[in-house]
Amino acid sequence: MKASFSSITPLVPTGDSLVAALSFYTEHMGFSMTWEGGGMAGIERDSVTLNLVENDNKTWADNASFSIGVSDLEALYSEYRALPAKVGPLELKPWGRREFHLIAPSGVCFQFYQTEVA
């Protein structure tokens, strides 16, 4: 029998402070911490899980990007647009998705999207 994939949990660099990153993700982005140890922590919001890794490699952080689909993009944009992060405009892209980008204090980019319903 062939194995099937069931989930993905990316490693996300935090910059030089895991504590500061946990604060940002839990207090501002609505994630909950599920575990912590050894310079890492697991966080989740709904069915999305991330493993934060304390790592100050700016090149890694500046080149890390994650695309997350959501059910109500307008509501999430309202929730996130005043965060202490770089939050881009909510726009309809030529490829048919409404989305916005958020760059976390570490430099990691998150793209939040909702596919347009015809």
PDB file of N, CA and C in Angstrom:
ATOM      1  N   MET A   1       0.848  -1.185   0.000  1.00  0.00           N
ATOM      2  CA  MET A   1       0.000   0.000   0.000  1.00  0.00           C
ATOM      3  C   MET A   1       0.888   1.240   0.000  1.00  0.00           C
ATOM      4  N   LYS A   2       0.525   2.202  -0.787  1.00  0.00           N
ATOM      5  CA  LYS A   2       1.278   3.445  -0.893  1.00  0.00           C
ATOM      6  C   LYS A   2       0.893   4.405   0.237  1.00  0.00           C
ATOM      7  N   ALA A   3       1.900   5.022   0.855  1.00  0.00           N
ATOM      8  CA  ALA A   3       1.646   5.995   1.925  1.00  0.00           C
ATOM      9  C   ALA A   3       1.051   7.264   1.336  1.00  0.00           C
ATOM     10  N   SER A   4       0.226   7.929   2.118  1.00  0.00           N
ATOM     11  CA  SER A   4      -0.338   9.203   1.683  1.00  0.00           C
ATOM     12  C   SER A   4       0.050  10.295   2.671  1.00  0.00           C
ATOM     13  N   PHE A   5       0.181  11.497   2.167  1.00  0.00           N
ATOM     14  CA  PHE A   5       0.493  12.644   3.014  1.00  0.00           C
ATOM     15  C   PHE A   5      -0.775  13.091   3.731  1.00  0.00           C
ATOM     16  N   SER A   6      -0.618  13.551   4.981  1.00  0.00           N
ATOM     17  CA  SER A   6      -1.795  13.995   5.717  1.00  0.00           C
ATOM     18  C   SER A   6      -1.694  15.419   6.241  1.00  0.00           C
ATOM     19  N   SER A   7      -0.476  15.956   6.338  1.00  0.00           N
ATOM     20  CA  SER A   7      -0.343  17.334   6.807  1.00  0.00           C
ATOM     21  C   SER A   7       1.065  17.823   6.514  1.00  0.00           C
ATOM     22  N   ILE A   8       1.245  19.127   6.679  1.00  0.00           N
ATOM     23  CA  ILE A   8       2.569  19.732   6.569  1.00  0.00           C
ATOM     24  C   ILE A   8       2.694  20.770   7.678  1.00  0.00           C
ATOM     25  N   THR A   9       3.837  20.763   8.335  1.00  0.00           N
ATOM     26  CA  THR A   9       4.107  21.726   9.397  1.00  0.00           C
ATOM     27  C   THR A   9       5.468  22.339   9.115  1.00  0.00           C
ATOM     28  N   PRO A  10       5.484  23.519   8.496  1.00  0.00           N
ATOM     29  CA  PRO A  10       6.771  24.125   8.141  1.00  0.00           C
ATOM     30  C   PRO A  10       7.542  24.646   9.350  1.00  0.00           C
ATOM     31  N   LEU A  11       8.865  24.651   9.199  1.00  0.00           N
ATOM     32  CA  LEU A  11       9.752  25.279  10.169  1.00  0.00           C
ATOM     33  C   LEU A  11       9.852  26.751   9.813  1.00  0.00           C
ATOM     34  N   VAL A  12       9.561  27.617  10.767  1.00  0.00           N
ATOM     35  CA  VAL A  12       9.529  29.057  10.543  1.00  0.00           C
ATOM     36  C   VAL A  12      10.573  29.719  11.432  1.00  0.00           C
ATOM     37  N   PRO A  13      11.565  30.407  10.843  1.00  0.00           N
ATOM     38  CA  PRO A  13      12.577  31.062  11.663  1.00  0.00           C
ATOM     39  C   PRO A  13      11.995  32.248  12.426  1.00  0.00           C
ATOM     40  N   THR A  14      12.465  32.414  13.668  1.00  0.00           N
ATOM     41  CA  THR A  14      11.904  33.449  14.540  1.00  0.00           C
ATOM     42  C   THR A  14      12.738  34.710  14.644  1.00  0.00           C
ATOM     43  N   GLY A  15      13.973  34.665  14.156  1.00  0.00           N
ATOM     44  CA  GLY A  15      14.904  35.725  14.490  1.00  0.00           C
ATOM     45  C   GLY A  15      15.613  35.319  15.765  1.00  0.00           C
ATOM     46  N   ASP A  16      16.201  36.280  16.467  1.00  0.00           N
ATOM     47  CA  ASP A  16      17.034  35.931  17.617  1.00  0.00           C
ATOM     48  C   ASP A  16      16.273  35.671  18.916  1.00  0.00           C
ATOM     49  N   SER A  17      14.945  35.826  18.922  1.00  0.00           N
ATOM     50  CA  SER A  17      14.198  35.633  20.166  1.00  0.00           C
ATOM     51  C   SER A  17      12.935  34.807  19.934  1.00  0.00           C
ATOM     52  N   LEU A  18      12.962  33.589  20.434  1.00  0.00           N
ATOM     53  CA  LEU A  18      11.776  32.745  20.378  1.00  0.00           C
ATOM     54  C   LEU A  18      10.657  33.355  21.213  1.00  0.00           C
ATOM     55  N   VAL A  19      11.011  33.934  22.353  1.00  0.00           N
ATOM     56  CA  VAL A  19      10.012  34.548  23.242  1.00  0.00           C
ATOM     57  C   VAL A  19       9.271  35.674  22.520  1.00  0.00           C
ATOM     58  N   ALA A  20      10.000  36.549  21.834  1.00  0.00           N
ATOM     59  CA  ALA A  20       9.367  37.655  21.106  1.00  0.00           C
ATOM     60  C   ALA A  20       8.496  37.125  19.974  1.00  0.00           C
ATOM     61  N   ALA A  21       8.972  36.104  19.269  1.00  0.00           N
ATOM     62  CA  ALA A  21       8.185  35.529  18.176  1.00  0.00           C
ATOM     63  C   ALA A  21       6.903  34.891  18.699  1.00  0.00           C
ATOM     64  N   LEU A  22       7.015  34.144  19.785  1.00  0.00           N
ATOM     65  CA  LEU A  22       5.816  33.540  20.376  1.00  0.00           C
ATOM     66  C   LEU A  22       4.811  34.608  20.771  1.00  0.00           C
ATOM     67  N   SER A  23       5.291  35.691  21.324  1.00  0.00           N
ATOM     68  CA  SER A  23       4.413  36.795  21.691  1.00  0.00           C
ATOM     69  C   SER A  23       3.691  37.331  20.460  1.00  0.00           C
ATOM     70  N   PHE A  24       4.424  37.554  19.368  1.00  0.00           N
ATOM     71  CA  PHE A  24       3.812  38.074  18.147  1.00  0.00           C
ATOM     72  C   PHE A  24       2.759  37.110  17.594  1.00  0.00           C
ATOM     73  N   TYR A  25       3.116  35.843  17.463  1.00  0.00           N
ATOM     74  CA  TYR A  25       2.195  34.873  16.856  1.00  0.00           C
ATOM     75  C   TYR A  25       0.974  34.596  17.738  1.00  0.00           C
ATOM     76  N   THR A  26       1.151  34.579  19.064  1.00  0.00           N
ATOM     77  CA  THR A  26       0.015  34.271  19.931  1.00  0.00           C
ATOM     78  C   THR A  26      -0.827  35.508  20.257  1.00  0.00           C
ATOM     79  N   GLU A  27      -0.186  36.618  20.581  1.00  0.00           N
ATOM     80  CA  GLU A  27      -0.936  37.811  20.985  1.00  0.00           C
ATOM     81  C   GLU A  27      -1.510  38.585  19.805  1.00  0.00           C
ATOM     82  N   HIS A  28      -0.860  38.519  18.649  1.00  0.00           N
ATOM     83  CA  HIS A  28      -1.298  39.324  17.512  1.00  0.00           C
ATOM     84  C   HIS A  28      -1.919  38.519  16.374  1.00  0.00           C
ATOM     85  N   MET A  29      -1.406  37.323  16.118  1.00  0.00           N
ATOM     86  CA  MET A  29      -1.907  36.547  14.982  1.00  0.00           C
ATOM     87  C   MET A  29      -2.918  35.475  15.379  1.00  0.00           C
ATOM     88  N   GLY A  30      -3.183  35.309  16.678  1.00  0.00           N
ATOM     89  CA  GLY A  30      -4.227  34.393  17.127  1.00  0.00           C
ATOM     90  C   GLY A  30      -3.846  32.924  17.195  1.00  0.00           C
ATOM     91  N   PHE A  31      -2.552  32.618  17.150  1.00  0.00           N
ATOM     92  CA  PHE A  31      -2.108  31.239  17.291  1.00  0.00           C
ATOM     93  C   PHE A  31      -2.055  30.872  18.769  1.00  0.00           C
ATOM     94  N   SER A  32      -2.093  29.576  19.054  1.00  0.00           N
ATOM     95  CA  SER A  32      -1.908  29.045  20.405  1.00  0.00           C
ATOM     96  C   SER A  32      -0.652  28.195  20.410  1.00  0.00           C
ATOM     97  N   MET A  33       0.108  28.273  21.474  1.00  0.00           N
ATOM     98  CA  MET A  33       1.302  27.442  21.589  1.00  0.00           C
ATOM     99  C   MET A  33       0.880  26.042  22.015  1.00  0.00           C
ATOM    100  N   THR A  34       1.403  25.033  21.343  1.00  0.00           N
ATOM    101  CA  THR A  34       1.082  23.646  21.676  1.00  0.00           C
ATOM    102  C   THR A  34       2.237  22.936  22.386  1.00  0.00           C
ATOM    103  N   TRP A  35       3.461  23.411  22.184  1.00  0.00           N
ATOM    104  CA  TRP A  35       4.628  22.844  22.866  1.00  0.00           C
ATOM    105  C   TRP A  35       5.802  23.807  22.727  1.00  0.00           C
ATOM    106  N   GLU A  36       6.797  23.667  23.591  1.00  0.00           N
ATOM    107  CA  GLU A  36       8.011  24.485  23.523  1.00  0.00           C
ATOM    108  C   GLU A  36       9.169  23.701  24.116  1.00  0.00           C
ATOM    109  N   GLY A  37      10.344  23.807  23.498  1.00  0.00           N
ATOM    110  CA  GLY A  37      11.540  23.174  24.033  1.00  0.00           C
ATOM    111  C   GLY A  37      12.674  23.185  23.039  1.00  0.00           C
ATOM    112  N   GLY A  38      13.890  23.294  23.525  1.00  0.00           N
ATOM    113  CA  GLY A  38      15.063  23.205  22.678  1.00  0.00           C
ATOM    114  C   GLY A  38      15.167  24.287  21.622  1.00  0.00           C
ATOM    115  N   GLY A  39      14.734  25.509  21.948  1.00  0.00           N
ATOM    116  CA  GLY A  39      14.809  26.606  20.983  1.00  0.00           C
ATOM    117  C   GLY A  39      13.748  26.543  19.899  1.00  0.00           C
ATOM    118  N   MET A  40      12.712  25.749  20.122  1.00  0.00           N
ATOM    119  CA  MET A  40      11.616  25.618  19.163  1.00  0.00           C
ATOM    120  C   MET A  40      10.285  25.676  19.900  1.00  0.00           C
ATOM    121  N   ALA A  41       9.217  25.903  19.139  1.00  0.00           N
ATOM    122  CA  ALA A  41       7.870  25.865  19.703  1.00  0.00           C
ATOM    123  C   ALA A  41       6.885  25.524  18.598  1.00  0.00           C
ATOM    124  N   GLY A  42       5.859  24.797  18.952  1.00  0.00           N
ATOM    125  CA  GLY A  42       4.777  24.501  18.023  1.00  0.00           C
ATOM    126  C   GLY A  42       3.617  25.432  18.288  1.00  0.00           C
ATOM    127  N   ILE A  43       3.030  25.966  17.216  1.00  0.00           N
ATOM    128  CA  ILE A  43       1.861  26.829  17.349  1.00  0.00           C
ATOM    129  C   ILE A  43       0.793  26.369  16.367  1.00  0.00           C
ATOM    130  N   GLU A  44      -0.465  26.703  16.677  1.00  0.00           N
ATOM    131  CA  GLU A  44      -1.552  26.341  15.768  1.00  0.00           C
ATOM    132  C   GLU A  44      -2.664  27.377  15.833  1.00  0.00           C
ATOM    133  N   ARG A  45      -3.342  27.510  14.718  1.00  0.00           N
ATOM    134  CA  ARG A  45      -4.571  28.295  14.636  1.00  0.00           C
ATOM    135  C   ARG A  45      -5.470  27.528  13.682  1.00  0.00           C
ATOM    136  N   ASP A  46      -6.613  27.105  14.186  1.00  0.00           N
ATOM    137  CA  ASP A  46      -7.527  26.262  13.425  1.00  0.00           C
ATOM    138  C   ASP A  46      -6.771  25.022  12.950  1.00  0.00           C
ATOM    139  N   SER A  47      -6.699  24.753  11.649  1.00  0.00           N
ATOM    140  CA  SER A  47      -6.010  23.546  11.176  1.00  0.00           C
ATOM    141  C   SER A  47      -4.605  23.832  10.644  1.00  0.00           C
ATOM    142  N   VAL A  48      -4.080  25.034  10.901  1.00  0.00           N
ATOM    143  CA  VAL A  48      -2.740  25.393  10.451  1.00  0.00           C
ATOM    144  C   VAL A  48      -1.770  25.276  11.635  1.00  0.00           C
ATOM    145  N   THR A  49      -0.690  24.510  11.426  1.00  0.00           N
ATOM    146  CA  THR A  49       0.340  24.370  12.446  1.00  0.00           C
ATOM    147  C   THR A  49       1.682  24.819  11.884  1.00  0.00           C
ATOM    148  N   LEU A  50       2.470  25.446  12.746  1.00  0.00           N
ATOM    149  CA  LEU A  50       3.814  25.904  12.396  1.00  0.00           C
ATOM    150  C   LEU A  50       4.758  25.508  13.524  1.00  0.00           C
ATOM    151  N   ASN A  51       5.987  25.188  13.181  1.00  0.00           N
ATOM    152  CA  ASN A  51       7.030  24.987  14.176  1.00  0.00           C
ATOM    153  C   ASN A  51       7.980  26.170  14.091  1.00  0.00           C
ATOM    154  N   LEU A  52       8.008  26.970  15.151  1.00  0.00           N
ATOM    155  CA  LEU A  52       8.913  28.109  15.210  1.00  0.00           C
ATOM    156  C   LEU A  52      10.287  27.627  15.643  1.00  0.00           C
ATOM    157  N   VAL A  53      11.314  28.134  14.983  1.00  0.00           N
ATOM    158  CA  VAL A  53      12.695  27.757  15.277  1.00  0.00           C
ATOM    159  C   VAL A  53      13.485  29.021  15.572  1.00  0.00           C
ATOM    160  N   GLU A  54      14.051  29.095  16.778  1.00  0.00           N
ATOM    161  CA  GLU A  54      14.875  30.261  17.110  1.00  0.00           C
ATOM    162  C   GLU A  54      16.118  30.226  16.226  1.00  0.00           C
ATOM    163  N   ASN A  55      16.198  31.186  15.313  1.00  0.00           N
ATOM    164  CA  ASN A  55      17.287  31.220  14.340  1.00  0.00           C
ATOM    165  C   ASN A  55      17.357  32.633  13.794  1.00  0.00           C
ATOM    166  N   ASP A  56      18.514  33.266  13.927  1.00  0.00           N
ATOM    167  CA  ASP A  56      18.647  34.648  13.477  1.00  0.00           C
ATOM    168  C   ASP A  56      19.271  34.772  12.089  1.00  0.00           C
ATOM    169  N   ASN A  57      19.165  33.722  11.281  1.00  0.00           N
ATOM    170  CA  ASN A  57      19.652  33.758   9.906  1.00  0.00           C
ATOM    171  C   ASN A  57      18.682  34.608   9.080  1.00  0.00           C
ATOM    172  N   LYS A  58      19.026  35.866   8.878  1.00  0.00           N
ATOM    173  CA  LYS A  58      18.142  36.816   8.191  1.00  0.00           C
ATOM    174  C   LYS A  58      17.854  36.384   6.752  1.00  0.00           C
ATOM    175  N   THR A  59      18.817  35.758   6.104  1.00  0.00           N
ATOM    176  CA  THR A  59      18.603  35.290   4.730  1.00  0.00           C
ATOM    177  C   THR A  59      17.486  34.254   4.679  1.00  0.00           C
ATOM    178  N   TRP A  60      17.477  33.330   5.636  1.00  0.00           N
ATOM    179  CA  TRP A  60      16.423  32.323   5.689  1.00  0.00           C
ATOM    180  C   TRP A  60      15.072  32.997   5.908  1.00  0.00           C
ATOM    181  N   ALA A  61      14.987  33.864   6.902  1.00  0.00           N
ATOM    182  CA  ALA A  61      13.724  34.522   7.223  1.00  0.00           C
ATOM    183  C   ALA A  61      13.214  35.365   6.057  1.00  0.00           C
ATOM    184  N   ASP A  62      14.104  36.129   5.437  1.00  0.00           N
ATOM    185  CA  ASP A  62      13.695  37.008   4.339  1.00  0.00           C
ATOM    186  C   ASP A  62      13.273  36.240   3.091  1.00  0.00           C
ATOM    187  N   ASN A  63      13.613  34.967   3.018  1.00  0.00           N
ATOM    188  CA  ASN A  63      13.253  34.154   1.857  1.00  0.00           C
ATOM    189  C   ASN A  63      12.221  33.089   2.181  1.00  0.00           C
ATOM    190  N   ALA A  64      11.698  33.104   3.396  1.00  0.00           N
ATOM    191  CA  ALA A  64      10.653  32.165   3.790  1.00  0.00           C
ATOM    192  C   ALA A  64       9.291  32.787   3.495  1.00  0.00           C
ATOM    193  N   SER A  65       8.443  32.028   2.842  1.00  0.00           N
ATOM    194  CA  SER A  65       7.122  32.526   2.476  1.00  0.00           C
ATOM    195  C   SER A  65       6.118  31.389   2.568  1.00  0.00           C
ATOM    196  N   PHE A  66       4.965  31.683   3.150  1.00  0.00           N
ATOM    197  CA  PHE A  66       3.945  30.667   3.356  1.00  0.00           C
ATOM    198  C   PHE A  66       2.598  31.205   2.893  1.00  0.00           C
ATOM    199  N   SER A  67       1.865  30.405   2.161  1.00  0.00           N
ATOM    200  CA  SER A  67       0.567  30.783   1.623  1.00  0.00           C
ATOM    201  C   SER A  67      -0.507  30.028   2.403  1.00  0.00           C
ATOM    202  N   ILE A  68      -1.434  30.765   3.007  1.00  0.00           N
ATOM    203  CA  ILE A  68      -2.453  30.164   3.862  1.00  0.00           C
ATOM    204  C   ILE A  68      -3.841  30.551   3.349  1.00  0.00           C
ATOM    205  N   GLY A  69      -4.624  29.568   2.998  1.00  0.00           N
ATOM    206  CA  GLY A  69      -6.003  29.800   2.568  1.00  0.00           C
ATOM    207  C   GLY A  69      -6.905  30.005   3.772  1.00  0.00           C
ATOM    208  N   VAL A  70      -7.832  30.939   3.665  1.00  0.00           N
ATOM    209  CA  VAL A  70      -8.758  31.244   4.763  1.00  0.00           C
ATOM    210  C   VAL A  70     -10.191  31.289   4.248  1.00  0.00           C
ATOM    211  N   SER A  71     -11.129  31.166   5.160  1.00  0.00           N
ATOM    212  CA  SER A  71     -12.538  31.143   4.777  1.00  0.00           C
ATOM    213  C   SER A  71     -13.155  32.532   4.673  1.00  0.00           C
ATOM    214  N   ASP A  72     -12.628  33.507   5.394  1.00  0.00           N
ATOM    215  CA  ASP A  72     -13.187  34.865   5.377  1.00  0.00           C
ATOM    216  C   ASP A  72     -12.037  35.869   5.363  1.00  0.00           C
ATOM    217  N   LEU A  73     -11.558  36.162   4.169  1.00  0.00           N
ATOM    218  CA  LEU A  73     -10.391  37.020   4.011  1.00  0.00           C
ATOM    219  C   LEU A  73     -10.636  38.433   4.530  1.00  0.00           C
ATOM    220  N   GLU A  74     -11.823  38.961   4.300  1.00  0.00           N
ATOM    221  CA  GLU A  74     -12.161  40.310   4.781  1.00  0.00           C
ATOM    222  C   GLU A  74     -12.022  40.394   6.305  1.00  0.00           C
ATOM    223  N   ALA A  75     -12.552  39.395   6.997  1.00  0.00           N
ATOM    224  CA  ALA A  75     -12.486  39.388   8.468  1.00  0.00           C
ATOM    225  C   ALA A  75     -11.043  39.283   8.941  1.00  0.00           C
ATOM    226  N   LEU A  76     -10.248  38.423   8.304  1.00  0.00           N
ATOM    227  CA  LEU A  76      -8.856  38.285   8.707  1.00  0.00           C
ATOM    228  C   LEU A  76      -8.081  39.571   8.426  1.00  0.00           C
ATOM    229  N   TYR A  77      -8.348  40.197   7.291  1.00  0.00           N
ATOM    230  CA  TYR A  77      -7.671  41.448   6.974  1.00  0.00           C
ATOM    231  C   TYR A  77      -8.010  42.520   8.020  1.00  0.00           C
ATOM    232  N   SER A  78      -9.274  42.583   8.416  1.00  0.00           N
ATOM    233  CA  SER A  78      -9.671  43.537   9.466  1.00  0.00           C
ATOM    234  C   SER A  78      -8.945  43.242  10.774  1.00  0.00           C
ATOM    235  N   GLU A  79      -8.761  41.969  11.071  1.00  0.00           N
ATOM    236  CA  GLU A  79      -8.075  41.556  12.290  1.00  0.00           C
ATOM    237  C   GLU A  79      -6.578  41.896  12.245  1.00  0.00           C
ATOM    238  N   TYR A  80      -5.961  41.742  11.073  1.00  0.00           N
ATOM    239  CA  TYR A  80      -4.511  41.845  10.955  1.00  0.00           C
ATOM    240  C   TYR A  80      -3.977  43.193  10.484  1.00  0.00           C
ATOM    241  N   ARG A  81      -4.782  44.022   9.864  1.00  0.00           N
ATOM    242  CA  ARG A  81      -4.213  45.200   9.204  1.00  0.00           C
ATOM    243  C   ARG A  81      -3.535  46.200  10.133  1.00  0.00           C
ATOM    244  N   ALA A  82      -3.842  46.171  11.427  1.00  0.00           N
ATOM    245  CA  ALA A  82      -3.200  47.097  12.366  1.00  0.00           C
ATOM    246  C   ALA A  82      -2.113  46.422  13.211  1.00  0.00           C
ATOM    247  N   LEU A  83      -1.707  45.227  12.822  1.00  0.00           N
ATOM    248  CA  LEU A  83      -0.667  44.527  13.581  1.00  0.00           C
ATOM    249  C   LEU A  83       0.672  45.253  13.496  1.00  0.00           C
ATOM    250  N   PRO A  84       1.554  45.019  14.469  1.00  0.00           N
ATOM    251  CA  PRO A  84       2.905  45.584  14.398  1.00  0.00           C
ATOM    252  C   PRO A  84       3.756  44.755  13.425  1.00  0.00           C
ATOM    253  N   ALA A  85       3.363  44.803  12.159  1.00  0.00           N
ATOM    254  CA  ALA A  85       4.018  44.076  11.073  1.00  0.00           C
ATOM    255  C   ALA A  85       3.729  44.839   9.788  1.00  0.00           C
ATOM    256  N   LYS A  86       4.381  44.450   8.718  1.00  0.00           N
ATOM    257  CA  LYS A  86       4.092  45.057   7.416  1.00  0.00           C
ATOM    258  C   LYS A  86       2.937  44.292   6.787  1.00  0.00           C
ATOM    259  N   VAL A  87       1.786  44.958   6.659  1.00  0.00           N
ATOM    260  CA  VAL A  87       0.599  44.327   6.091  1.00  0.00           C
ATOM    261  C   VAL A  87       0.261  45.038   4.796  1.00  0.00           C
ATOM    262  N   GLY A  88       0.256  44.284   3.711  1.00  0.00           N
ATOM    263  CA  GLY A  88      -0.031  44.854   2.397  1.00  0.00           C
ATOM    264  C   GLY A  88      -1.515  45.002   2.160  1.00  0.00           C
ATOM    265  N   PRO A  89      -1.885  45.576   1.024  1.00  0.00           N
ATOM    266  CA  PRO A  89      -3.296  45.790   0.709  1.00  0.00           C
ATOM    267  C   PRO A  89      -4.014  44.484   0.355  1.00  0.00           C
ATOM    268  N   LEU A  90      -5.291  44.475   0.568  1.00  0.00           N
ATOM    269  CA  LEU A  90      -6.155  43.374   0.157  1.00  0.00           C
ATOM    270  C   LEU A  90      -6.472  43.593  -1.309  1.00  0.00           C
ATOM    271  N   GLU A  91      -6.116  42.628  -2.179  1.00  0.00           N
ATOM    272  CA  GLU A  91      -6.304  42.829  -3.614  1.00  0.00           C
ATOM    273  C   GLU A  91      -6.699  41.544  -4.332  1.00  0.00           C
ATOM    274  N   LEU A  92      -7.344  41.721  -5.463  1.00  0.00           N
ATOM    275  CA  LEU A  92      -7.656  40.612  -6.362  1.00  0.00           C
ATOM    276  C   LEU A  92      -6.503  40.491  -7.334  1.00  0.00           C
ATOM    277  N   LYS A  93      -5.880  39.326  -7.368  1.00  0.00           N
ATOM    278  CA  LYS A  93      -4.719  39.100  -8.224  1.00  0.00           C
ATOM    279  C   LYS A  93      -5.160  38.587  -9.594  1.00  0.00           C
ATOM    280  N   PRO A  94      -4.324  38.774 -10.625  1.00  0.00           N
ATOM    281  CA  PRO A  94      -4.675  38.314 -11.971  1.00  0.00           C
ATOM    282  C   PRO A  94      -4.942  36.811 -12.050  1.00  0.00           C
ATOM    283  N   TRP A  95      -4.400  36.049 -11.114  1.00  0.00           N
ATOM    284  CA  TRP A  95      -4.598  34.598 -11.135  1.00  0.00           C
ATOM    285  C   TRP A  95      -5.878  34.184 -10.426  1.00  0.00           C
ATOM    286  N   GLY A  96      -6.721  35.166 -10.047  1.00  0.00           N
ATOM    287  CA  GLY A  96      -8.060  34.872  -9.547  1.00  0.00           C
ATOM    288  C   GLY A  96      -8.211  34.725  -8.055  1.00  0.00           C
ATOM    289  N   ARG A  97      -7.189  35.077  -7.299  1.00  0.00           N
ATOM    290  CA  ARG A  97      -7.303  34.983  -5.847  1.00  0.00           C
ATOM    291  C   ARG A  97      -7.280  36.365  -5.225  1.00  0.00           C
ATOM    292  N   ARG A  98      -8.107  36.546  -4.205  1.00  0.00           N
ATOM    293  CA  ARG A  98      -8.015  37.730  -3.360  1.00  0.00           C
ATOM    294  C   ARG A  98      -7.023  37.388  -2.274  1.00  0.00           C
ATOM    295  N   GLU A  99      -6.102  38.305  -1.982  1.00  0.00           N
ATOM    296  CA  GLU A  99      -5.070  38.018  -1.003  1.00  0.00           C
ATOM    297  C   GLU A  99      -4.458  39.280  -0.437  1.00  0.00           C
ATOM    298  N   PHE A 100      -3.740  39.090   0.655  1.00  0.00           N
ATOM    299  CA  PHE A 100      -2.888  40.141   1.207  1.00  0.00           C
ATOM    300  C   PHE A 100      -1.675  39.475   1.818  1.00  0.00           C
ATOM    301  N   HIS A 101      -0.626  40.249   1.957  1.00  0.00           N
ATOM    302  CA  HIS A 101       0.624  39.749   2.509  1.00  0.00           C
ATOM    303  C   HIS A 101       0.897  40.400   3.858  1.00  0.00           C
ATOM    304  N   LEU A 102       1.527  39.634   4.728  1.00  0.00           N
ATOM    305  CA  LEU A 102       1.955  40.121   6.034  1.00  0.00           C
ATOM    306  C   LEU A 102       3.404  39.693   6.209  1.00  0.00           C
ATOM    307  N   ILE A 103       4.264  40.642   6.537  1.00  0.00           N
ATOM    308  CA  ILE A 103       5.659  40.318   6.820  1.00  0.00           C
ATOM    309  C   ILE A 103       5.860  40.459   8.322  1.00  0.00           C
ATOM    310  N   ALA A 104       6.142  39.322   8.959  1.00  0.00           N
ATOM    311  CA  ALA A 104       6.342  39.264  10.401  1.00  0.00           C
ATOM    312  C   ALA A 104       7.617  40.022  10.782  1.00  0.00           C
ATOM    313  N   PRO A 105       7.753  40.382  12.053  1.00  0.00           N
ATOM    314  CA  PRO A 105       8.962  41.100  12.489  1.00  0.00           C
ATOM    315  C   PRO A 105      10.267  40.378  12.142  1.00  0.00           C
ATOM    316  N   SER A 106      10.249  39.059  12.047  1.00  0.00           N
ATOM    317  CA  SER A 106      11.451  38.298  11.696  1.00  0.00           C
ATOM    318  C   SER A 106      11.825  38.428  10.223  1.00  0.00           C
ATOM    319  N   GLY A 107      10.868  38.855   9.385  1.00  0.00           N
ATOM    320  CA  GLY A 107      11.089  38.950   7.944  1.00  0.00           C
ATOM    321  C   GLY A 107      10.340  37.894   7.153  1.00  0.00           C
ATOM    322  N   VAL A 108       9.746  36.928   7.827  1.00  0.00           N
ATOM    323  CA  VAL A 108       8.982  35.863   7.171  1.00  0.00           C
ATOM    324  C   VAL A 108       7.711  36.451   6.568  1.00  0.00           C
ATOM    325  N   CYS A 109       7.395  36.030   5.338  1.00  0.00           N
ATOM    326  CA  CYS A 109       6.218  36.529   4.626  1.00  0.00           C
ATOM    327  C   CYS A 109       5.088  35.506   4.668  1.00  0.00           C
ATOM    328  N   PHE A 110       3.902  35.982   5.000  1.00  0.00           N
ATOM    329  CA  PHE A 110       2.697  35.158   4.944  1.00  0.00           C
ATOM    330  C   PHE A 110       1.761  35.761   3.903  1.00  0.00           C
ATOM    331  N   GLN A 111       1.242  34.927   3.035  1.00  0.00           N
ATOM    332  CA  GLN A 111       0.275  35.320   2.020  1.00  0.00           C
ATOM    333  C   GLN A 111      -1.046  34.667   2.420  1.00  0.00           C
ATOM    334  N   PHE A 112      -2.034  35.474   2.710  1.00  0.00           N
ATOM    335  CA  PHE A 112      -3.349  34.958   3.065  1.00  0.00           C
ATOM    336  C   PHE A 112      -4.271  35.151   1.869  1.00  0.00           C
ATOM    337  N   TYR A 113      -5.035  34.114   1.534  1.00  0.00           N
ATOM    338  CA  TYR A 113      -5.841  34.191   0.317  1.00  0.00           C
ATOM    339  C   TYR A 113      -7.200  33.528   0.487  1.00  0.00           C
ATOM    340  N   GLN A 114      -8.085  33.945  -0.385  1.00  0.00           N
ATOM    341  CA  GLN A 114      -9.388  33.315  -0.530  1.00  0.00           C
ATOM    342  C   GLN A 114      -9.674  33.264  -2.013  1.00  0.00           C
ATOM    343  N   THR A 115      -9.978  32.090  -2.520  1.00  0.00           N
ATOM    344  CA  THR A 115     -10.278  31.947  -3.938  1.00  0.00           C
ATOM    345  C   THR A 115     -11.645  32.550  -4.228  1.00  0.00           C
ATOM    346  N   GLU A 116     -11.713  33.310  -5.297  1.00  0.00           N
ATOM    347  CA  GLU A 116     -12.980  33.928  -5.687  1.00  0.00           C
ATOM    348  C   GLU A 116     -13.981  32.854  -6.104  1.00  0.00           C
ATOM    349  N   VAL A 117     -15.214  33.012  -5.688  1.00  0.00           N
ATOM    350  CA  VAL A 117     -16.276  32.090  -6.082  1.00  0.00           C
ATOM    351  C   VAL A 117     -17.007  32.720  -7.259  1.00  0.00           C
ATOM    352  N   ALA A 118     -17.155  31.952  -8.318  1.00  0.00           N
ATOM    353  CA  ALA A 118     -17.798  32.484  -9.540  1.00  0.00           C
ATOM    354  C   ALA A 118     -19.289  32.643  -9.374  1.00  0.00           C
TER     355      ALA A 118
END
